[in-house]
């Protein structure tokens, strides 16, 4: 079966965003697999996400509306798990998006929350079941 092996996210400075990403990955069931001065890899379910300090900065802010990847979507388990993550996100550097339509901003049959960090990266936290 086809699937994603890994995703590499290049950030302006890993030290600036490590705490917020680490919190989110742990909440989603990822485990730190490897760490080095400019990066780290987090694994779950056979795939992994790598955060790496970019060697080629044109700006310190990621613009998800420019060509490229808009956001990463992660499964989080039951709807109450999504609710817990969304309730705690701001304490860990993530700003909830679409609050007025939570948890159905993606439609009535889609239970999810959207978050954006201070660097402009957006993630979607999706319930496995509704």
Protein backbone atom coordinates (compact mmCIF):
# COMPACT_ATOMS: atom_id res chain seq x y z
CA UNK A 1 0.00 0.00 0.00
CA UNK A 2 1.26 3.48 -0.80
CA UNK A 3 1.89 5.86 2.08
CA UNK A 4 4.06 8.64 3.36
CA UNK A 5 7.45 7.53 4.60
CA UNK A 6 8.43 10.87 6.15
CA UNK A 7 7.99 14.62 5.95
CA UNK A 8 10.81 17.08 6.54
CA UNK A 9 9.82 20.53 7.81
CA UNK A 10 12.46 23.22 7.52
CA UNK A 11 12.20 25.88 10.19
CA UNK A 12 14.03 29.19 10.65
CA UNK A 13 15.58 28.16 13.97
CA UNK A 14 14.90 24.83 15.65
CA UNK A 15 15.73 26.22 19.10
CA UNK A 16 12.94 28.80 18.75
CA UNK A 17 10.22 26.24 17.91
CA UNK A 18 11.42 23.03 19.54
CA UNK A 19 9.18 23.31 22.63
CA UNK A 20 5.93 23.90 20.71
CA UNK A 21 6.52 21.13 18.16
CA UNK A 22 7.76 18.69 20.83
CA UNK A 23 4.61 19.24 22.89
CA UNK A 24 2.34 18.69 19.88
CA UNK A 25 4.17 15.57 18.70
CA UNK A 26 4.00 14.02 22.17
CA UNK A 27 0.28 14.81 22.43
CA UNK A 28 -0.26 13.05 19.10
CA UNK A 29 1.66 9.95 20.17
CA UNK A 30 4.95 10.61 18.41
CA UNK A 31 8.26 9.67 20.02
CA UNK A 32 11.57 11.43 19.55
CA UNK A 33 13.69 9.09 17.44
CA UNK A 34 16.83 11.12 16.66
CA UNK A 35 18.17 14.53 17.67
CA UNK A 36 21.16 16.55 16.47
CA UNK A 37 22.06 20.24 16.84
CA UNK A 38 20.09 21.42 13.78
CA UNK A 39 17.26 18.90 13.79
CA UNK A 40 15.23 16.08 15.25
CA UNK A 41 12.99 13.27 13.98
CA UNK A 42 9.71 12.18 15.56
CA UNK A 43 8.14 8.82 14.71
CA UNK A 44 4.65 7.32 14.93
CA UNK A 45 3.02 4.46 13.08
CA UNK A 46 6.01 3.77 10.85
CA UNK A 47 6.27 7.28 9.38
CA UNK A 48 8.25 10.15 10.79
CA UNK A 49 8.47 13.94 10.76
CA UNK A 50 11.81 15.71 10.81
CA UNK A 51 12.29 19.31 11.94
CA UNK A 52 15.47 20.87 10.58
CA UNK A 53 16.92 24.37 10.78
CA UNK A 54 16.99 25.65 7.21
CA UNK A 55 20.38 26.57 5.79
CA UNK A 56 18.77 28.95 3.29
CA UNK A 57 16.59 31.55 4.96
CA UNK A 58 14.83 34.20 2.93
CA UNK A 59 12.47 35.03 5.79
CA UNK A 60 11.99 33.85 9.36
CA UNK A 61 8.23 33.47 8.88
CA UNK A 62 6.67 30.55 7.03
CA UNK A 63 3.89 31.69 4.68
CA UNK A 64 1.48 28.77 4.33
CA UNK A 65 -0.49 30.66 1.69
CA UNK A 66 2.47 30.80 -0.71
CA UNK A 67 3.11 27.91 -3.10
CA UNK A 68 4.18 24.87 -1.15
CA UNK A 69 2.64 22.96 1.73
CA UNK A 70 -0.30 24.69 3.43
CA UNK A 71 -0.53 22.48 6.51
CA UNK A 72 0.11 19.06 8.00
CA UNK A 73 -2.86 17.00 9.24
CA UNK A 74 -2.46 14.46 12.03
CA UNK A 75 -4.90 11.90 13.40
CA UNK A 76 -5.41 12.33 17.12
CA UNK A 77 -7.79 9.59 18.21
CA UNK A 78 -11.26 10.15 19.61
CA UNK A 79 -12.96 13.57 19.49
CA UNK A 80 -12.30 14.14 23.19
CA UNK A 81 -8.55 13.80 22.48
CA UNK A 82 -8.84 16.52 19.83
CA UNK A 83 -10.69 18.67 22.38
CA UNK A 84 -7.92 18.17 24.97
CA UNK A 85 -5.19 19.12 22.51
CA UNK A 86 -7.11 22.18 21.34
CA UNK A 87 -7.79 23.29 24.93
CA UNK A 88 -4.10 23.11 25.86
CA UNK A 89 -2.57 24.35 22.61
CA UNK A 90 -2.20 28.03 23.50
CA UNK A 91 -0.19 27.14 26.62
CA UNK A 92 2.34 25.58 24.24
CA UNK A 93 2.71 28.20 21.51
CA UNK A 94 -0.12 27.16 19.16
CA UNK A 95 -2.95 29.54 18.27
CA UNK A 96 -6.33 27.92 17.47
CA UNK A 97 -7.82 28.87 14.10
CA UNK A 98 -11.50 28.95 13.07
CA UNK A 99 -12.73 29.04 16.69
CA UNK A 100 -16.21 30.08 15.58
CA UNK A 101 -16.59 26.86 13.55
CA UNK A 102 -14.76 24.41 15.87
CA UNK A 103 -14.88 21.40 15.65
CA UNK A 104 -16.61 21.26 12.26
CA UNK A 105 -14.75 23.90 10.20
CA UNK A 106 -14.08 21.16 7.65
CA UNK A 107 -17.75 20.24 7.39
CA UNK A 108 -20.42 18.59 9.55
CA UNK A 109 -18.88 15.11 9.31
CA UNK A 110 -15.28 16.19 9.94
CA UNK A 111 -14.23 16.60 13.60
CA UNK A 112 -10.96 18.52 13.74
CA UNK A 113 -9.13 21.51 15.08
CA UNK A 114 -6.64 23.77 13.32
CA UNK A 115 -3.63 25.37 14.96
CA UNK A 116 -0.96 27.84 13.85
CA UNK A 117 2.32 28.54 15.62
CA UNK A 118 4.22 31.81 15.89
CA UNK A 119 6.34 30.86 12.86
CA UNK A 120 3.26 30.55 10.64
CA UNK A 121 3.06 26.75 10.41
CA UNK A 122 -0.46 25.30 10.42
CA UNK A 123 -1.50 21.85 11.58
CA UNK A 124 -4.83 20.07 11.60
CA UNK A 125 -5.65 17.70 14.45
CA UNK A 126 -8.27 15.22 13.21
CA UNK A 127 -10.44 12.79 15.16
CA UNK A 128 -10.23 9.19 13.95
CA UNK A 129 -13.95 8.82 14.67
CA UNK A 130 -16.84 11.23 15.21
